[in-house]
Amino acid sequence: MGQKGAVIRYAGDEFVIVLNEDNEKIAENCRNSIKDNLNAFNNLHEKKYKLSASIGYGVFDMAECNVDQVLKEIDKRMYEDKKTYYAIDYHNRRCKC
């Protein structure tokens, strides 16, 4: 990411992208760009699987909140994104036996 920020492995299959920005719209645009790139990859490569990611985002302002608060907001948004993804029937990987 260069001067824009850094990508850090947080835990297991979770990553944090730290941007050198304080604008939530820029964070949302970064999220959308990642989603667009995953969709482009899936459309370009005909695999038996599709890549996807559930992404949350937030802005950390030391004057307004602490790290735990912003991580809680990011986590909430990530689970909302995951819920939206699996609401689309063909994304549901559960067996319909």
C-alpha atoms as a PDB file:
ATOM      1  CA  MET A   1       0.000   0.000   0.000  1.00  0.00           C
ATOM      2  CA  GLY A   2       3.042   2.246   0.215  1.00  0.00           C
ATOM      3  CA  GLN A   3       2.390   5.704   1.621  1.00  0.00           C
ATOM      4  CA  LYS A   4      -1.364   5.116   1.747  1.00  0.00           C
ATOM      5  CA  GLY A   5      -1.081   2.741   4.710  1.00  0.00           C
ATOM      6  CA  ALA A   6      -0.290  -0.829   5.715  1.00  0.00           C
ATOM      7  CA  VAL A   7      -1.958  -4.245   5.797  1.00  0.00           C
ATOM      8  CA  ILE A   8      -1.472  -6.196   9.025  1.00  0.00           C
ATOM      9  CA  ARG A   9      -2.475  -9.775   9.817  1.00  0.00           C
ATOM     10  CA  TYR A  10      -4.621  -9.428  12.945  1.00  0.00           C
ATOM     11  CA  ALA A  11      -5.628 -13.019  13.773  1.00  0.00           C
ATOM     12  CA  GLY A  12      -6.095 -16.196  11.737  1.00  0.00           C
ATOM     13  CA  ASP A  13      -7.821 -15.077   8.561  1.00  0.00           C
ATOM     14  CA  GLU A  14      -8.415 -11.504   9.784  1.00  0.00           C
ATOM     15  CA  PHE A  15      -6.452  -8.537   8.529  1.00  0.00           C
ATOM     16  CA  VAL A  16      -6.418  -4.858   9.419  1.00  0.00           C
ATOM     17  CA  ILE A  17      -5.732  -2.183   6.841  1.00  0.00           C
ATOM     18  CA  VAL A  18      -4.399   0.972   8.450  1.00  0.00           C
ATOM     19  CA  LEU A  19      -4.790   4.005   6.220  1.00  0.00           C
ATOM     20  CA  ASN A  20      -3.037   7.332   6.654  1.00  0.00           C
ATOM     21  CA  GLU A  21      -6.433   9.044   6.499  1.00  0.00           C
ATOM     22  CA  ASP A  22      -9.089  10.238   8.910  1.00  0.00           C
ATOM     23  CA  ASN A  23     -11.948  10.235   6.438  1.00  0.00           C
ATOM     24  CA  GLU A  24     -14.509   7.433   6.752  1.00  0.00           C
ATOM     25  CA  LYS A  25     -15.488   7.826   3.079  1.00  0.00           C
ATOM     26  CA  ILE A  26     -11.921   6.974   2.041  1.00  0.00           C
ATOM     27  CA  ALA A  27     -12.050   3.856   4.240  1.00  0.00           C
ATOM     28  CA  GLU A  28     -15.382   2.891   2.656  1.00  0.00           C
ATOM     29  CA  ASN A  29     -13.919   3.442  -0.825  1.00  0.00           C
ATOM     30  CA  CYS A  30     -10.983   1.180   0.084  1.00  0.00           C
ATOM     31  CA  ARG A  31     -13.463  -1.499   1.203  1.00  0.00           C
ATOM     32  CA  ASN A  32     -15.413  -1.152  -2.047  1.00  0.00           C
ATOM     33  CA  SER A  33     -12.227  -1.344  -4.107  1.00  0.00           C
ATOM     34  CA  ILE A  34     -11.256  -4.623  -2.432  1.00  0.00           C
ATOM     35  CA  LYS A  35     -14.737  -6.031  -3.105  1.00  0.00           C
ATOM     36  CA  ASP A  36     -14.597  -4.887  -6.741  1.00  0.00           C
ATOM     37  CA  ASN A  37     -11.191  -6.532  -7.214  1.00  0.00           C
ATOM     38  CA  LEU A  38     -12.436  -9.811  -5.711  1.00  0.00           C
ATOM     39  CA  ASN A  39     -15.443  -9.762  -8.051  1.00  0.00           C
ATOM     40  CA  ALA A  40     -13.210  -8.995 -11.040  1.00  0.00           C
ATOM     41  CA  PHE A  41     -10.945 -11.919 -10.129  1.00  0.00           C
ATOM     42  CA  ASN A  42     -13.946 -14.243  -9.770  1.00  0.00           C
ATOM     43  CA  ASN A  43     -15.331 -13.136 -13.139  1.00  0.00           C
ATOM     44  CA  LEU A  44     -11.980 -13.477 -14.891  1.00  0.00           C
ATOM     45  CA  HIS A  45     -11.032 -16.883 -13.471  1.00  0.00           C
ATOM     46  CA  GLU A  46     -13.537 -19.688 -13.714  1.00  0.00           C
ATOM     47  CA  LYS A  47     -12.791 -21.644 -10.558  1.00  0.00           C
ATOM     48  CA  LYS A  48     -14.902 -24.075  -8.544  1.00  0.00           C
ATOM     49  CA  TYR A  49     -14.795 -21.508  -5.755  1.00  0.00           C
ATOM     50  CA  LYS A  50     -15.319 -17.769  -5.430  1.00  0.00           C
ATOM     51  CA  LEU A  51     -13.159 -15.482  -3.359  1.00  0.00           C
ATOM     52  CA  SER A  52     -14.991 -13.245  -0.931  1.00  0.00           C
ATOM     53  CA  ALA A  53     -14.297 -11.133   2.131  1.00  0.00           C
ATOM     54  CA  SER A  54     -16.410  -9.635   4.865  1.00  0.00           C
ATOM     55  CA  ILE A  55     -15.059  -6.179   5.566  1.00  0.00           C
ATOM     56  CA  GLY A  56     -15.687  -3.683   8.324  1.00  0.00           C
ATOM     57  CA  TYR A  57     -14.155  -0.232   8.557  1.00  0.00           C
ATOM     58  CA  GLY A  58     -13.878   2.658  10.959  1.00  0.00           C
ATOM     59  CA  VAL A  59     -11.891   5.765  11.773  1.00  0.00           C
ATOM     60  CA  PHE A  60      -9.754   5.943  14.903  1.00  0.00           C
ATOM     61  CA  ASP A  61      -9.650   9.389  16.475  1.00  0.00           C
ATOM     62  CA  MET A  62      -7.725   9.363  19.763  1.00  0.00           C
ATOM     63  CA  ALA A  63      -9.693  12.418  20.952  1.00  0.00           C
ATOM     64  CA  GLU A  64     -13.054  10.677  20.382  1.00  0.00           C
ATOM     65  CA  CYS A  65     -12.577   6.979  21.181  1.00  0.00           C
ATOM     66  CA  ASN A  66     -10.145   4.276  22.195  1.00  0.00           C
ATOM     67  CA  VAL A  67      -8.821   1.342  20.162  1.00  0.00           C
ATOM     68  CA  ASP A  68     -11.341  -1.086  21.684  1.00  0.00           C
ATOM     69  CA  GLN A  69     -14.256   1.135  20.652  1.00  0.00           C
ATOM     70  CA  VAL A  70     -13.124   1.472  17.044  1.00  0.00           C
ATOM     71  CA  LEU A  71     -12.380  -2.268  16.774  1.00  0.00           C
ATOM     72  CA  LYS A  72     -15.883  -2.978  18.099  1.00  0.00           C
ATOM     73  CA  GLU A  73     -17.385  -0.723  15.394  1.00  0.00           C
ATOM     74  CA  ILE A  74     -15.250  -2.345  12.696  1.00  0.00           C
ATOM     75  CA  ASP A  75     -16.245  -5.820  13.915  1.00  0.00           C
ATOM     76  CA  LYS A  76     -19.937  -4.830  13.900  1.00  0.00           C
ATOM     77  CA  ARG A  77     -19.691  -3.611  10.306  1.00  0.00           C
ATOM     78  CA  MET A  78     -17.816  -6.753   9.271  1.00  0.00           C
ATOM     79  CA  TYR A  79     -20.594  -8.977  10.631  1.00  0.00           C
ATOM     80  CA  GLU A  80     -23.230  -6.801   8.926  1.00  0.00           C
ATOM     81  CA  ASP A  81     -21.313  -7.254   5.658  1.00  0.00           C
ATOM     82  CA  LYS A  82     -21.130 -11.026   6.227  1.00  0.00           C
ATOM     83  CA  LYS A  83     -24.872 -11.163   6.975  1.00  0.00           C
ATOM     84  CA  THR A  84     -25.645  -9.256   3.766  1.00  0.00           C
ATOM     85  CA  TYR A  85     -23.388 -11.569   1.732  1.00  0.00           C
ATOM     86  CA  TYR A  86     -25.040 -14.743   3.019  1.00  0.00           C
ATOM     87  CA  ALA A  87     -28.538 -13.293   2.594  1.00  0.00           C
ATOM     88  CA  ILE A  88     -28.036 -13.875  -1.145  1.00  0.00           C
ATOM     89  CA  ASP A  89     -29.125 -17.487  -1.563  1.00  0.00           C
ATOM     90  CA  TYR A  90     -26.377 -18.642  -3.936  1.00  0.00           C
ATOM     91  CA  HIS A  91     -23.698 -17.515  -1.457  1.00  0.00           C
ATOM     92  CA  ASN A  92     -25.045 -19.810   1.229  1.00  0.00           C
ATOM     93  CA  ARG A  93     -22.563 -22.685   1.479  1.00  0.00           C
ATOM     94  CA  ARG A  94     -24.674 -24.692   3.897  1.00  0.00           C
ATOM     95  CA  CYS A  95     -25.981 -28.022   2.673  1.00  0.00           C
ATOM     96  CA  LYS A  96     -29.621 -27.895   1.619  1.00  0.00           C
ATOM     97  CA  CYS A  97     -30.164 -31.602   2.231  1.00  0.00           C
END
